[in-house]
Amino acid sequence: MSQSCTEYQLSKADDVAHVLKLLEALHPISHTLRQEFYQHTITLQLQEGEHLLYQGEKCFYMYFIRRGALMAYSQHRQKRITTYISVENEFVSSLSGLYGQQPSREAIMAVEPTLLVGVHTDVLQGWYARYFEMNFIIRQVYESYYRDAQERSHVVRIGNAEERYLHFIKSKPGYIGRLPLDVVASFLDIKPETLSRIIKQNNGQMQVQEAEGILEKSEQFLQETECFREKTLKVQDLATRLGIPTYKLSMALNMYHKKSFTEFLNHYRITYLKIQLEKEESLQNFTIESLALSAGFASRSAFYKAFNKMEGLSPKAYLAAAKGV
């Protein structure tokens, strides 16, 4: 389903406005600079597994993650080493290759469907020269980045593998239930099978009765509120609304469902969609894709992939079978 030029412009304006709101929490932004943000920024959509930047390329953009998650990694002696993981409301770029001065020492890849807002570094440098607030803001961004870098360095050097895992789930709540196991394992510098064993051991420490209670509460909340229809709902968002720690919700999902939080939500989204398809008036007024977006899927491709995985056939084949065609 294509997006009209007007819809795209409105969507981009909303994304830029979101970035400006976060930046203005650091320092007020002049009207002139605000207008330049709308004029010079771009939006970019990446699918899971798609690269933003390859190792050895030069980087000419600073990006803000509007939705999704990215990982940076370096390839060394046929081993992929994850250097950082960034999610929505964070800035991301290759500092080693920023401003195109030298090749990047790391690649940057989407680990889930990701929407980015970017600005060319030539534009950024012009803003540094003309706007004091941009210098102040970017200094705050870089300081935050280096604090995170120090934290990452600390994580991979402390204690044994289990201590790294426990530190990670406390400092990055919700990541374990959201990100691919091999990405987290690489970030923590342990083998995926070791991380899997540690997760199972720690999950076993949660009482069965407690886990069942958390899942029952989660499922009832999702059914009553239909919050699964929110495209940007994250595990930490649901945990907050339920009033439970994020790591406990992640552990309960791992114990019983053996699936990621996104897969857990997609079950409800597809169930909701199938109910809509049973209504005769639905397909008279809407396409399957528009109904899927209304059910909470962020994109057409994400919907088709999830539907095929859950039902074992395409949405159109399912609809044909339901109608007896």
Protein backbone atom coordinates (compact mmCIF):
# COMPACT_ATOMS: atom_id res chain seq x y z
CA MET A 1 0.00 0.00 0.00
CA SER A 2 1.71 3.14 -1.21
CA GLN A 3 1.96 6.31 0.83
CA SER A 4 0.90 9.57 -0.80
CA CYS A 5 3.24 12.57 -0.91
CA THR A 6 1.00 14.46 1.52
CA GLU A 7 0.90 11.53 3.97
CA TYR A 8 4.69 11.21 3.77
CA GLN A 9 5.20 14.92 4.46
CA LEU A 10 2.87 14.78 7.47
CA SER A 11 4.60 11.67 8.76
CA LYS A 12 8.04 13.23 8.37
CA ALA A 13 6.87 16.42 10.08
CA ASP A 14 5.66 14.36 13.06
CA ASP A 15 8.99 12.53 13.25
CA VAL A 16 11.02 15.75 13.13
CA ALA A 17 8.74 17.35 15.73
CA HIS A 18 9.40 14.38 18.03
CA VAL A 19 13.18 14.83 17.67
CA LEU A 20 12.93 18.58 18.31
CA LYS A 21 10.88 17.99 21.46
CA LEU A 22 13.59 15.72 22.89
CA LEU A 23 16.38 18.11 21.90
CA GLU A 24 14.58 21.05 23.48
CA ALA A 25 14.65 19.19 26.79
CA LEU A 26 18.41 19.87 26.62
CA HIS A 27 18.26 23.49 25.40
CA PRO A 28 15.67 25.82 23.78
CA ILE A 29 15.88 25.86 19.98
CA SER A 30 15.39 29.03 17.95
CA HIS A 31 12.61 29.29 15.38
CA THR A 32 15.15 29.60 12.54
CA LEU A 33 16.95 26.40 13.51
CA ARG A 34 13.63 24.59 13.91
CA GLN A 35 12.75 25.53 10.33
CA GLU A 36 16.11 24.26 9.11
CA PHE A 37 15.48 20.93 10.83
CA TYR A 38 12.28 20.48 8.84
CA GLN A 39 14.07 21.53 5.66
CA HIS A 40 17.25 19.45 5.87
CA THR A 41 16.42 16.24 7.75
CA ILE A 42 15.58 12.99 5.99
CA THR A 43 13.70 9.88 7.12
CA LEU A 44 14.90 6.36 6.40
CA GLN A 45 13.15 3.02 6.93
CA LEU A 46 15.23 -0.14 7.45
CA GLN A 47 13.96 -3.70 7.58
CA GLU A 48 15.35 -6.30 9.98
CA GLY A 49 18.83 -7.37 8.80
CA GLU A 50 19.29 -4.34 6.52
CA HIS A 51 22.50 -2.33 6.91
CA LEU A 52 22.65 1.37 7.57
CA LEU A 53 26.43 1.32 7.13
CA TYR A 54 29.02 -1.33 6.26
CA GLN A 55 32.41 -1.65 7.92
CA GLY A 56 34.95 0.29 5.85
CA GLU A 57 32.43 2.80 4.50
CA LYS A 58 32.47 6.49 5.35
CA CYS A 59 29.60 7.94 7.36
CA PHE A 60 28.04 11.28 6.38
CA TYR A 61 24.94 11.33 8.57
CA MET A 62 23.94 11.58 12.21
CA TYR A 63 20.75 9.61 12.85
CA PHE A 64 18.04 9.60 15.50
CA ILE A 65 16.14 6.34 16.04
CA ARG A 66 12.43 7.12 15.91
CA ARG A 67 11.40 3.47 16.15
CA GLY A 68 13.24 0.17 16.25
CA ALA A 69 16.71 -1.04 17.21
CA LEU A 70 20.17 -1.06 15.63
CA MET A 71 23.38 -2.91 16.43
CA ALA A 72 26.93 -1.93 15.54
CA TYR A 73 29.52 -4.63 15.01
CA SER A 74 33.06 -5.19 13.84
CA GLN A 75 34.31 -8.23 12.00
CA HIS A 76 37.59 -9.57 13.40
CA ARG A 77 39.12 -12.91 12.37
CA GLN A 78 35.76 -14.20 11.11
CA LYS A 79 34.13 -13.26 14.44
CA ARG A 80 31.35 -10.68 14.68
CA ILE A 81 31.82 -8.48 17.75
CA THR A 82 28.80 -6.39 18.77
CA THR A 83 30.06 -3.00 19.94
CA TYR A 84 26.75 -1.37 20.87
CA ILE A 85 22.97 -1.73 20.70
CA SER A 86 20.78 1.35 20.30
CA VAL A 87 16.99 1.68 20.43
CA GLU A 88 14.36 4.37 19.90
CA ASN A 89 14.98 7.88 21.22
CA GLU A 90 18.76 7.43 20.91
CA PHE A 91 21.21 8.94 18.45
CA VAL A 92 23.41 6.68 16.36
CA SER A 93 26.27 7.11 13.93
CA SER A 94 29.77 5.82 13.36
CA LEU A 95 32.00 8.11 15.39
CA SER A 96 35.09 6.50 13.88
CA GLY A 97 33.85 7.40 10.39
CA LEU A 98 31.79 10.49 11.16
CA TYR A 99 32.08 13.49 8.81
CA GLY A 100 33.48 11.11 6.17
CA GLN A 101 37.04 11.69 7.32
CA GLN A 102 37.99 8.00 7.47
CA PRO A 103 36.40 4.56 6.93
CA SER A 104 34.17 3.32 9.73
CA ARG A 105 35.62 0.59 11.95
CA GLU A 106 32.15 -0.88 12.45
CA ALA A 107 29.00 -1.78 10.55
CA ILE A 108 25.52 -0.69 11.67
CA MET A 109 22.54 -2.99 11.05
CA ALA A 110 18.85 -3.02 11.98
CA VAL A 111 17.86 -5.88 14.29
CA GLU A 112 14.16 -5.05 13.92
CA PRO A 113 12.19 -2.77 11.55
CA THR A 114 13.62 0.69 12.22
CA LEU A 115 12.67 4.26 11.32
CA LEU A 116 15.45 6.87 11.38
CA VAL A 117 15.57 10.64 11.14
CA GLY A 118 18.92 11.81 9.75
CA VAL A 119 20.86 14.96 9.00
CA HIS A 120 23.95 15.27 6.79
CA THR A 121 27.13 16.13 8.68
CA ASP A 122 27.84 19.08 6.35
CA VAL A 123 24.52 20.56 7.50
CA LEU A 124 25.40 19.77 11.13
CA GLN A 125 28.72 21.59 10.87
CA GLY A 126 26.96 24.60 9.41
CA TRP A 127 24.59 24.58 12.39
CA TYR A 128 27.53 24.39 14.81
CA ALA A 129 28.96 27.56 13.25
CA ARG A 130 25.68 29.51 13.31
CA TYR A 131 23.72 28.28 16.33
CA PHE A 132 25.01 28.19 19.90
CA GLU A 133 22.19 25.85 20.98
CA MET A 134 23.31 23.19 18.49
CA ASN A 135 26.82 23.19 19.98
CA PHE A 136 25.36 22.84 23.47
CA ILE A 137 22.95 20.06 22.47
CA ILE A 138 25.45 18.01 20.50
CA ARG A 139 27.90 18.20 23.40
CA GLN A 140 25.20 16.66 25.61
CA VAL A 141 24.58 13.96 23.00
CA TYR A 142 28.28 13.07 22.78
CA GLU A 143 28.67 13.06 26.57
CA SER A 144 25.75 10.64 26.80
CA TYR A 145 27.31 8.49 24.09
CA TYR A 146 30.63 8.27 25.92
CA ARG A 147 28.91 7.46 29.21
CA ASP A 148 27.17 4.60 27.43
CA ALA A 149 30.48 3.53 25.90
CA GLN A 150 32.05 3.44 29.35
CA GLU A 151 29.10 1.38 30.60
CA ARG A 152 29.51 -1.07 27.69
CA SER A 153 33.21 -1.40 28.48
CA HIS A 154 32.34 -2.05 32.12
CA VAL A 155 29.73 -4.71 31.30
CA VAL A 156 32.09 -6.96 29.32
CA ARG A 157 34.83 -6.77 31.95
CA ILE A 158 32.93 -7.47 35.16
CA GLY A 159 32.78 -10.92 36.74
CA ASN A 160 31.67 -14.05 34.98
CA ALA A 161 29.07 -14.58 32.25
CA GLU A 162 26.13 -14.76 34.66
CA GLU A 163 27.16 -11.54 36.41
CA ARG A 164 27.32 -9.80 33.03
CA TYR A 165 23.85 -11.07 32.19
CA LEU A 166 22.37 -9.91 35.50
CA HIS A 167 24.01 -6.50 35.12
CA PHE A 168 22.66 -6.25 31.56
CA ILE A 169 19.02 -7.02 32.40
CA LYS A 170 19.09 -4.42 35.18
CA SER A 171 20.79 -1.69 33.15
CA LYS A 172 18.90 -2.44 29.90
CA PRO A 173 15.43 -3.58 30.98
CA GLY A 174 13.42 -5.28 28.27
CA TYR A 175 16.33 -5.86 25.88
CA ILE A 176 16.58 -9.61 26.54
CA GLY A 177 12.94 -10.21 25.62
CA ARG A 178 13.22 -8.00 22.57
CA LEU A 179 16.56 -8.56 20.83
CA PRO A 180 17.99 -11.63 19.08
CA LEU A 181 19.90 -13.89 21.49
CA ASP A 182 23.08 -13.94 19.38
CA VAL A 183 23.22 -10.10 19.33
CA VAL A 184 23.04 -9.85 23.13
CA ALA A 185 25.51 -12.71 23.55
CA SER A 186 28.01 -10.99 21.27
CA PHE A 187 27.54 -7.72 23.14
CA LEU A 188 28.26 -9.49 26.46
CA ASP A 189 31.20 -11.38 24.91
CA ILE A 190 29.78 -14.82 25.70
CA LYS A 191 28.60 -17.70 23.52
CA PRO A 192 24.88 -17.81 22.57
CA GLU A 193 24.49 -21.28 24.09
CA THR A 194 26.01 -19.99 27.34
CA LEU A 195 23.60 -17.07 27.41
CA SER A 196 20.68 -19.40 26.67
CA ARG A 197 21.69 -21.64 29.59
CA ILE A 198 22.01 -18.66 31.95
CA ILE A 199 18.58 -17.34 30.93
CA LYS A 200 17.01 -20.74 31.56
CA GLN A 201 18.69 -21.03 34.95
CA ASN A 202 17.51 -17.57 35.99
CA ASN A 203 14.04 -18.18 34.60
CA GLY A 204 13.88 -21.29 36.74
CA GLN A 205 14.35 -19.13 39.81
CA MET A 206 10.99 -17.50 39.14
CA GLN A 207 8.22 -19.43 40.82
CA VAL A 208 5.80 -21.06 38.39
CA GLN A 209 2.85 -19.52 40.21
CA GLU A 210 4.35 -16.02 39.90
CA ALA A 211 5.05 -16.45 36.18
CA GLU A 212 1.54 -17.75 35.52
CA GLY A 213 0.09 -14.78 37.41
CA ILE A 214 2.15 -12.29 35.37
CA LEU A 215 1.08 -13.86 32.08
CA GLU A 216 -2.57 -14.04 33.08
CA LYS A 217 -2.46 -10.38 34.09
CA SER A 218 -0.69 -9.46 30.80
CA GLU A 219 -3.13 -11.37 28.62
CA GLN A 220 -6.18 -9.93 30.37
CA PHE A 221 -4.76 -6.40 30.04
CA LEU A 222 -4.02 -6.84 26.33
CA GLN A 223 -7.50 -8.20 25.63
CA GLU A 224 -9.27 -5.48 27.61
CA THR A 225 -7.26 -2.49 26.39
CA GLU A 226 -6.21 -3.73 22.92
CA CYS A 227 -2.92 -1.89 23.51
CA PHE A 228 -1.26 -4.42 21.18
CA ARG A 229 -2.64 -2.17 18.42
CA GLU A 230 -0.03 0.46 19.39
CA LYS A 231 2.73 0.09 16.80
CA THR A 232 5.50 1.22 19.17
CA LEU A 233 4.48 -0.76 22.27
CA LYS A 234 7.60 -2.20 23.97
CA VAL A 235 7.98 -4.75 26.74
CA GLN A 236 8.96 -2.03 29.21
CA ASP A 237 5.80 -0.05 28.31
CA LEU A 238 3.54 -3.00 29.07
CA ALA A 239 5.45 -3.83 32.26
CA THR A 240 5.03 -0.24 33.48
CA ARG A 241 1.28 -0.31 32.83
CA LEU A 242 1.03 -3.63 34.66
CA GLY A 243 3.10 -2.31 37.56
CA ILE A 244 5.71 -5.08 37.40
CA PRO A 245 9.48 -5.04 36.73
CA THR A 246 10.35 -5.39 33.03
CA TYR A 247 12.76 -8.26 33.62
CA LYS A 248 10.02 -10.30 35.32
CA LEU A 249 7.68 -9.92 32.35
CA SER A 250 10.52 -10.92 30.00
CA MET A 251 11.35 -13.95 32.15
CA ALA A 252 7.71 -15.07 32.25
CA LEU A 253 7.47 -14.81 28.44
CA ASN A 254 10.69 -16.78 28.03
CA MET A 255 9.52 -19.50 30.43
CA TYR A 256 6.14 -20.16 28.85
CA HIS A 257 5.95 -18.76 25.36
CA LYS A 258 9.55 -19.22 24.20
CA LYS A 259 9.14 -16.20 21.95
CA SER A 260 10.11 -12.56 21.75
CA PHE A 261 7.82 -9.79 22.97
CA THR A 262 7.07 -8.78 19.36
CA GLU A 263 6.00 -12.34 18.52
CA PHE A 264 3.85 -12.36 21.66
CA LEU A 265 2.08 -9.16 20.54
CA ASN A 266 1.74 -10.38 16.96
CA HIS A 267 -0.37 -13.31 18.18
CA TYR A 268 -2.94 -10.82 19.50
CA ARG A 269 -2.66 -8.61 16.42
CA ILE A 270 -3.35 -11.50 14.05
CA THR A 271 -6.19 -12.82 16.20
CA TYR A 272 -7.73 -9.33 16.19
CA LEU A 273 -7.27 -9.08 12.41
CA LYS A 274 -8.95 -12.45 11.79
CA ILE A 275 -11.97 -11.27 13.78
CA GLN A 276 -12.15 -8.14 11.61
CA LEU A 277 -11.93 -10.23 8.43
CA GLU A 278 -14.98 -12.22 9.53
CA LYS A 279 -17.03 -9.02 9.40
CA GLU A 280 -18.51 -8.69 5.93
CA GLU A 281 -18.25 -4.91 5.85
CA SER A 282 -14.52 -4.86 6.70
CA LEU A 283 -13.13 -5.79 3.28
CA GLN A 284 -15.79 -3.67 1.58
CA ASN A 285 -14.29 -0.57 3.18
CA PHE A 286 -10.66 -1.52 3.88
CA THR A 287 -7.79 -3.51 2.37
CA ILE A 288 -6.16 -6.36 4.30
CA GLU A 289 -3.03 -4.19 4.63
CA SER A 290 -4.91 -1.25 6.14
CA LEU A 291 -6.62 -3.58 8.62
CA ALA A 292 -3.21 -5.00 9.54
CA LEU A 293 -1.83 -1.53 10.23
CA SER A 294 -4.90 -0.84 12.37
CA ALA A 295 -4.17 -4.07 14.28
CA GLY A 296 -0.75 -2.74 15.28
CA PHE A 297 1.68 -3.87 12.59
CA ALA A 298 4.25 -1.21 11.73
CA SER A 299 4.57 -2.16 8.06
CA ARG A 300 3.10 -4.34 5.33
CA SER A 301 6.20 -6.57 5.20
CA ALA A 302 6.21 -7.12 8.98
CA PHE A 303 2.54 -8.14 8.79
CA TYR A 304 3.01 -10.63 5.94
CA LYS A 305 6.03 -12.20 7.62
CA ALA A 306 4.24 -12.59 10.98
CA PHE A 307 1.03 -13.91 9.40
CA ASN A 308 2.88 -16.53 7.36
CA LYS A 309 4.81 -17.62 10.44
CA MET A 310 1.70 -17.98 12.62
CA GLU A 311 -0.81 -19.33 10.09
CA GLY A 312 1.47 -21.15 7.63
CA LEU A 313 -0.02 -19.38 4.62
CA SER A 314 -0.37 -15.89 3.20
CA PRO A 315 -3.19 -13.55 4.31
CA LYS A 316 -4.83 -13.74 0.88
CA ALA A 317 -4.65 -17.56 0.84
CA TYR A 318 -6.14 -17.59 4.34
CA LEU A 319 -8.97 -15.31 3.22
CA ALA A 320 -9.65 -17.46 0.16
CA ALA A 321 -9.78 -20.60 2.32
CA ALA A 322 -12.10 -18.89 4.82
CA LYS A 323 -14.47 -18.00 1.98
CA GLY A 324 -14.23 -21.52 0.53
CA VAL A 325 -12.80 -20.27 -2.76
